[in-house]
Amino acid sequence: MTFVGNHRKINNQMIGPQNLSGRITDLDSEGKNVIAVFIEDKLVGLLAVSDTLRENAKQLIAEIRRNMKKKDIMIMGVDNDRNANTTAKKLGIMMISS
């Protein structure tokens, strides 16, 4: 059986190298979603994917703050707090809600 999906399966049911948790944490903190690939319950690879911010995203946030006089802007509805924090930091947003 081949399984491609949530890397949290490494800690739950399937076999994976113990030293990968640090690498997964590093990828998460870079704003990447980590996907594990297993074949016959053995980890054979990791995929890291991330959202790309539009070139003008930071400028748009600044315009919202300036034109609408809104200081507090929040990122909502995220699946991964680390990824949301990375994105928020890039945009100068201080609050997230998952």
N, C-alpha and C. Protein backbone atom coordinates (compact mmCIF):
# COMPACT_ATOMS: atom_id res chain seq x y z
N MET A 1 0.84 -1.17 0.00
CA MET A 1 0.00 0.00 0.00
C MET A 1 0.89 1.24 0.00
N THR A 2 0.49 2.24 -0.76
CA THR A 2 1.17 3.53 -0.78
C THR A 2 0.28 4.55 -0.11
N PHE A 3 0.86 5.36 0.77
CA PHE A 3 0.14 6.40 1.48
C PHE A 3 0.86 7.72 1.26
N VAL A 4 0.12 8.74 0.84
CA VAL A 4 0.65 10.08 0.69
C VAL A 4 -0.28 10.99 1.47
N GLY A 5 0.25 11.67 2.48
CA GLY A 5 -0.62 12.52 3.27
C GLY A 5 0.06 13.12 4.48
N ASN A 6 -0.73 13.35 5.48
CA ASN A 6 -0.33 14.05 6.68
C ASN A 6 0.92 13.42 7.32
N HIS A 7 1.94 14.22 7.53
CA HIS A 7 3.18 13.70 8.11
C HIS A 7 3.00 13.23 9.55
N ARG A 8 1.91 13.60 10.19
CA ARG A 8 1.68 13.16 11.57
C ARG A 8 1.52 11.64 11.68
N LYS A 9 1.26 10.98 10.57
CA LYS A 9 1.20 9.51 10.56
C LYS A 9 2.53 8.90 10.98
N ILE A 10 3.61 9.64 10.80
CA ILE A 10 4.93 9.14 11.19
C ILE A 10 4.93 8.76 12.66
N ASN A 11 4.32 9.60 13.48
CA ASN A 11 4.32 9.37 14.92
C ASN A 11 3.22 8.43 15.37
N ASN A 12 2.23 8.19 14.53
CA ASN A 12 1.08 7.41 14.96
C ASN A 12 1.18 5.93 14.60
N GLN A 13 1.11 5.60 13.32
CA GLN A 13 0.94 4.21 12.94
C GLN A 13 2.08 3.64 12.11
N MET A 14 2.78 4.48 11.39
CA MET A 14 3.73 3.96 10.42
C MET A 14 5.17 4.19 10.88
N ILE A 15 6.08 3.54 10.23
CA ILE A 15 7.48 3.56 10.63
C ILE A 15 8.20 4.67 9.88
N GLY A 16 8.93 5.48 10.61
CA GLY A 16 9.73 6.54 10.00
C GLY A 16 10.93 6.84 10.87
N PRO A 17 12.01 7.34 10.26
CA PRO A 17 13.21 7.65 11.04
C PRO A 17 12.92 8.68 12.12
N GLN A 18 13.46 8.48 13.31
CA GLN A 18 13.23 9.37 14.45
C GLN A 18 13.78 10.77 14.20
N ASN A 19 14.85 10.89 13.43
CA ASN A 19 15.49 12.18 13.23
C ASN A 19 14.72 13.11 12.29
N LEU A 20 13.62 12.65 11.75
CA LEU A 20 12.86 13.49 10.83
C LEU A 20 12.03 14.56 11.52
N SER A 21 11.74 14.40 12.79
CA SER A 21 10.89 15.38 13.46
C SER A 21 11.52 16.77 13.43
N GLY A 22 12.83 16.86 13.58
CA GLY A 22 13.51 18.15 13.49
C GLY A 22 13.42 18.76 12.11
N ARG A 23 13.58 17.93 11.10
CA ARG A 23 13.49 18.42 9.70
C ARG A 23 12.07 18.89 9.40
N ILE A 24 11.07 18.14 9.87
CA ILE A 24 9.68 18.52 9.66
C ILE A 24 9.39 19.85 10.36
N THR A 25 9.88 20.01 11.57
CA THR A 25 9.70 21.27 12.31
C THR A 25 10.34 22.43 11.54
N ASP A 26 11.54 22.20 11.00
CA ASP A 26 12.21 23.25 10.21
C ASP A 26 11.38 23.64 8.99
N LEU A 27 10.87 22.66 8.28
CA LEU A 27 10.05 22.95 7.10
C LEU A 27 8.77 23.67 7.48
N ASP A 28 8.14 23.23 8.56
CA ASP A 28 6.92 23.90 9.06
C ASP A 28 7.22 25.36 9.37
N SER A 29 8.34 25.61 10.05
CA SER A 29 8.65 26.98 10.46
C SER A 29 9.01 27.88 9.28
N GLU A 30 9.35 27.27 8.15
CA GLU A 30 9.59 28.03 6.92
C GLU A 30 8.28 28.33 6.19
N GLY A 31 7.17 27.90 6.77
CA GLY A 31 5.87 28.14 6.15
C GLY A 31 5.48 27.09 5.13
N LYS A 32 6.06 25.91 5.24
CA LYS A 32 5.77 24.84 4.29
C LYS A 32 4.91 23.77 4.95
N ASN A 33 4.01 23.20 4.17
CA ASN A 33 3.22 22.05 4.63
C ASN A 33 3.98 20.79 4.25
N VAL A 34 4.14 19.91 5.21
CA VAL A 34 4.91 18.69 4.99
C VAL A 34 3.98 17.52 4.73
N ILE A 35 4.26 16.83 3.64
CA ILE A 35 3.48 15.66 3.22
C ILE A 35 4.42 14.46 3.22
N ALA A 36 3.99 13.39 3.85
CA ALA A 36 4.81 12.18 3.93
C ALA A 36 4.39 11.19 2.85
N VAL A 37 5.37 10.44 2.35
CA VAL A 37 5.11 9.38 1.37
C VAL A 37 5.59 8.07 1.99
N PHE A 38 4.65 7.13 2.14
CA PHE A 38 4.94 5.82 2.70
C PHE A 38 4.64 4.74 1.67
N ILE A 39 5.48 3.72 1.63
CA ILE A 39 5.22 2.52 0.84
C ILE A 39 5.36 1.35 1.78
N GLU A 40 4.31 0.54 1.85
CA GLU A 40 4.31 -0.62 2.76
C GLU A 40 4.67 -0.20 4.19
N ASP A 41 4.05 0.86 4.67
CA ASP A 41 4.23 1.37 6.03
C ASP A 41 5.64 1.86 6.35
N LYS A 42 6.46 2.10 5.33
CA LYS A 42 7.80 2.64 5.55
C LYS A 42 7.90 3.99 4.85
N LEU A 43 8.42 4.98 5.59
CA LEU A 43 8.58 6.32 5.04
C LEU A 43 9.64 6.30 3.94
N VAL A 44 9.27 6.78 2.75
CA VAL A 44 10.23 6.82 1.64
C VAL A 44 10.54 8.25 1.19
N GLY A 45 9.78 9.22 1.70
CA GLY A 45 10.08 10.59 1.31
C GLY A 45 9.17 11.61 1.97
N LEU A 46 9.62 12.86 1.90
CA LEU A 46 8.83 13.99 2.37
C LEU A 46 8.69 14.99 1.23
N LEU A 47 7.53 15.58 1.14
CA LEU A 47 7.30 16.67 0.19
C LEU A 47 6.98 17.91 1.02
N ALA A 48 7.51 19.04 0.62
CA ALA A 48 7.21 20.30 1.31
C ALA A 48 6.63 21.27 0.28
N VAL A 49 5.44 21.77 0.57
CA VAL A 49 4.79 22.72 -0.32
C VAL A 49 4.42 23.96 0.46
N SER A 50 4.35 25.08 -0.23
CA SER A 50 3.99 26.31 0.46
C SER A 50 3.18 27.22 -0.45
N ASP A 51 2.42 28.08 0.19
CA ASP A 51 1.68 29.10 -0.54
C ASP A 51 2.65 30.20 -0.93
N THR A 52 2.38 30.82 -2.06
CA THR A 52 3.18 31.94 -2.50
C THR A 52 2.38 33.21 -2.31
N LEU A 53 2.99 34.17 -1.64
CA LEU A 53 2.32 35.46 -1.47
C LEU A 53 2.41 36.25 -2.77
N ARG A 54 1.35 36.96 -3.07
CA ARG A 54 1.40 37.84 -4.23
C ARG A 54 2.41 38.95 -3.97
N GLU A 55 3.00 39.45 -5.03
CA GLU A 55 4.03 40.48 -4.91
C GLU A 55 3.53 41.70 -4.13
N ASN A 56 2.26 42.03 -4.31
CA ASN A 56 1.74 43.25 -3.70
C ASN A 56 1.02 43.01 -2.37
N ALA A 57 1.11 41.83 -1.81
CA ALA A 57 0.36 41.51 -0.60
C ALA A 57 0.74 42.42 0.57
N LYS A 58 2.02 42.63 0.80
CA LYS A 58 2.45 43.47 1.91
C LYS A 58 1.98 44.92 1.69
N GLN A 59 2.04 45.37 0.46
CA GLN A 59 1.58 46.72 0.14
C GLN A 59 0.07 46.85 0.38
N LEU A 60 -0.70 45.82 0.02
CA LEU A 60 -2.14 45.86 0.23
C LEU A 60 -2.49 45.91 1.72
N ILE A 61 -1.78 45.18 2.54
CA ILE A 61 -2.01 45.22 3.99
C ILE A 61 -1.73 46.64 4.50
N ALA A 62 -0.64 47.23 4.03
CA ALA A 62 -0.31 48.60 4.45
C ALA A 62 -1.40 49.58 4.02
N GLU A 63 -1.95 49.42 2.82
CA GLU A 63 -3.02 50.29 2.33
C GLU A 63 -4.29 50.13 3.17
N ILE A 64 -4.61 48.90 3.55
CA ILE A 64 -5.79 48.67 4.40
C ILE A 64 -5.60 49.40 5.72
N ARG A 65 -4.42 49.29 6.28
CA ARG A 65 -4.15 49.98 7.55
C ARG A 65 -4.28 51.49 7.40
N ARG A 66 -3.73 52.01 6.32
CA ARG A 66 -3.72 53.45 6.10
C ARG A 66 -5.09 53.99 5.71
N ASN A 67 -5.71 53.40 4.70
CA ASN A 67 -6.96 53.92 4.15
C ASN A 67 -8.18 53.62 5.00
N MET A 68 -8.19 52.46 5.64
CA MET A 68 -9.35 52.09 6.44
C MET A 68 -9.11 52.33 7.93
N LYS A 69 -7.92 52.84 8.22
CA LYS A 69 -7.55 53.13 9.61
C LYS A 69 -7.73 51.90 10.51
N LYS A 70 -7.31 50.74 9.97
CA LYS A 70 -7.39 49.48 10.70
C LYS A 70 -5.98 49.06 11.10
N LYS A 71 -5.71 49.07 12.39
CA LYS A 71 -4.40 48.64 12.86
C LYS A 71 -4.36 47.13 13.08
N ASP A 72 -5.47 46.58 13.57
CA ASP A 72 -5.52 45.15 13.89
C ASP A 72 -6.05 44.37 12.70
N ILE A 73 -5.19 43.57 12.11
CA ILE A 73 -5.57 42.70 11.00
C ILE A 73 -5.22 41.29 11.44
N MET A 74 -6.11 40.33 11.15
CA MET A 74 -5.92 38.96 11.62
C MET A 74 -6.00 37.99 10.45
N ILE A 75 -5.15 36.98 10.46
CA ILE A 75 -5.24 35.86 9.53
C ILE A 75 -6.10 34.81 10.22
N MET A 76 -7.14 34.33 9.54
CA MET A 76 -8.06 33.36 10.14
C MET A 76 -8.18 32.11 9.29
N GLY A 77 -8.61 31.02 9.95
CA GLY A 77 -8.94 29.78 9.25
C GLY A 77 -7.74 29.05 8.69
N VAL A 78 -6.70 28.93 9.49
CA VAL A 78 -5.49 28.24 9.02
C VAL A 78 -5.45 26.82 9.56
N ASP A 79 -4.75 25.92 8.83
CA ASP A 79 -4.62 24.54 9.32
C ASP A 79 -3.31 24.35 10.08
N ASN A 80 -2.37 25.25 9.93
CA ASN A 80 -1.07 25.07 10.54
C ASN A 80 -0.62 26.40 11.14
N ASP A 81 -0.54 26.47 12.46
CA ASP A 81 -0.18 27.73 13.12
C ASP A 81 1.21 28.21 12.74
N ARG A 82 2.15 27.29 12.58
CA ARG A 82 3.51 27.71 12.21
C ARG A 82 3.51 28.38 10.84
N ASN A 83 2.78 27.79 9.89
CA ASN A 83 2.71 28.38 8.55
C ASN A 83 2.04 29.74 8.61
N ALA A 84 0.98 29.85 9.39
CA ALA A 84 0.26 31.12 9.51
C ALA A 84 1.17 32.17 10.14
N ASN A 85 1.93 31.78 11.15
CA ASN A 85 2.86 32.74 11.77
C ASN A 85 3.92 33.21 10.80
N THR A 86 4.43 32.32 9.97
CA THR A 86 5.43 32.69 8.97
C THR A 86 4.84 33.69 7.98
N THR A 87 3.64 33.40 7.49
CA THR A 87 2.97 34.30 6.54
C THR A 87 2.66 35.64 7.20
N ALA A 88 2.14 35.60 8.41
CA ALA A 88 1.81 36.84 9.13
C ALA A 88 3.05 37.70 9.31
N LYS A 89 4.15 37.08 9.66
CA LYS A 89 5.39 37.83 9.86
C LYS A 89 5.82 38.52 8.56
N LYS A 90 5.71 37.81 7.45
CA LYS A 90 6.08 38.40 6.15
C LYS A 90 5.22 39.61 5.82
N LEU A 91 3.97 39.59 6.27
CA LEU A 91 3.03 40.66 5.95
C LEU A 91 2.93 41.72 7.03
N GLY A 92 3.61 41.54 8.14
CA GLY A 92 3.54 42.49 9.23
C GLY A 92 2.25 42.39 10.02
N ILE A 93 1.62 41.20 10.01
CA ILE A 93 0.38 40.95 10.75
C ILE A 93 0.75 40.27 12.06
N MET A 94 0.14 40.76 13.15
CA MET A 94 0.51 40.26 14.47
C MET A 94 -0.44 39.21 15.03
N MET A 95 -1.62 39.03 14.43
CA MET A 95 -2.60 38.12 15.02
C MET A 95 -3.01 37.04 14.02
N ILE A 96 -3.15 35.80 14.53
CA ILE A 96 -3.72 34.72 13.73
C ILE A 96 -4.77 34.01 14.58
N SER A 97 -5.69 33.35 13.89
CA SER A 97 -6.70 32.54 14.58
C SER A 97 -6.93 31.30 13.76
N SER A 98 -6.79 30.14 14.41
CA SER A 98 -7.01 28.88 13.66
C SER A 98 -8.30 28.24 14.07
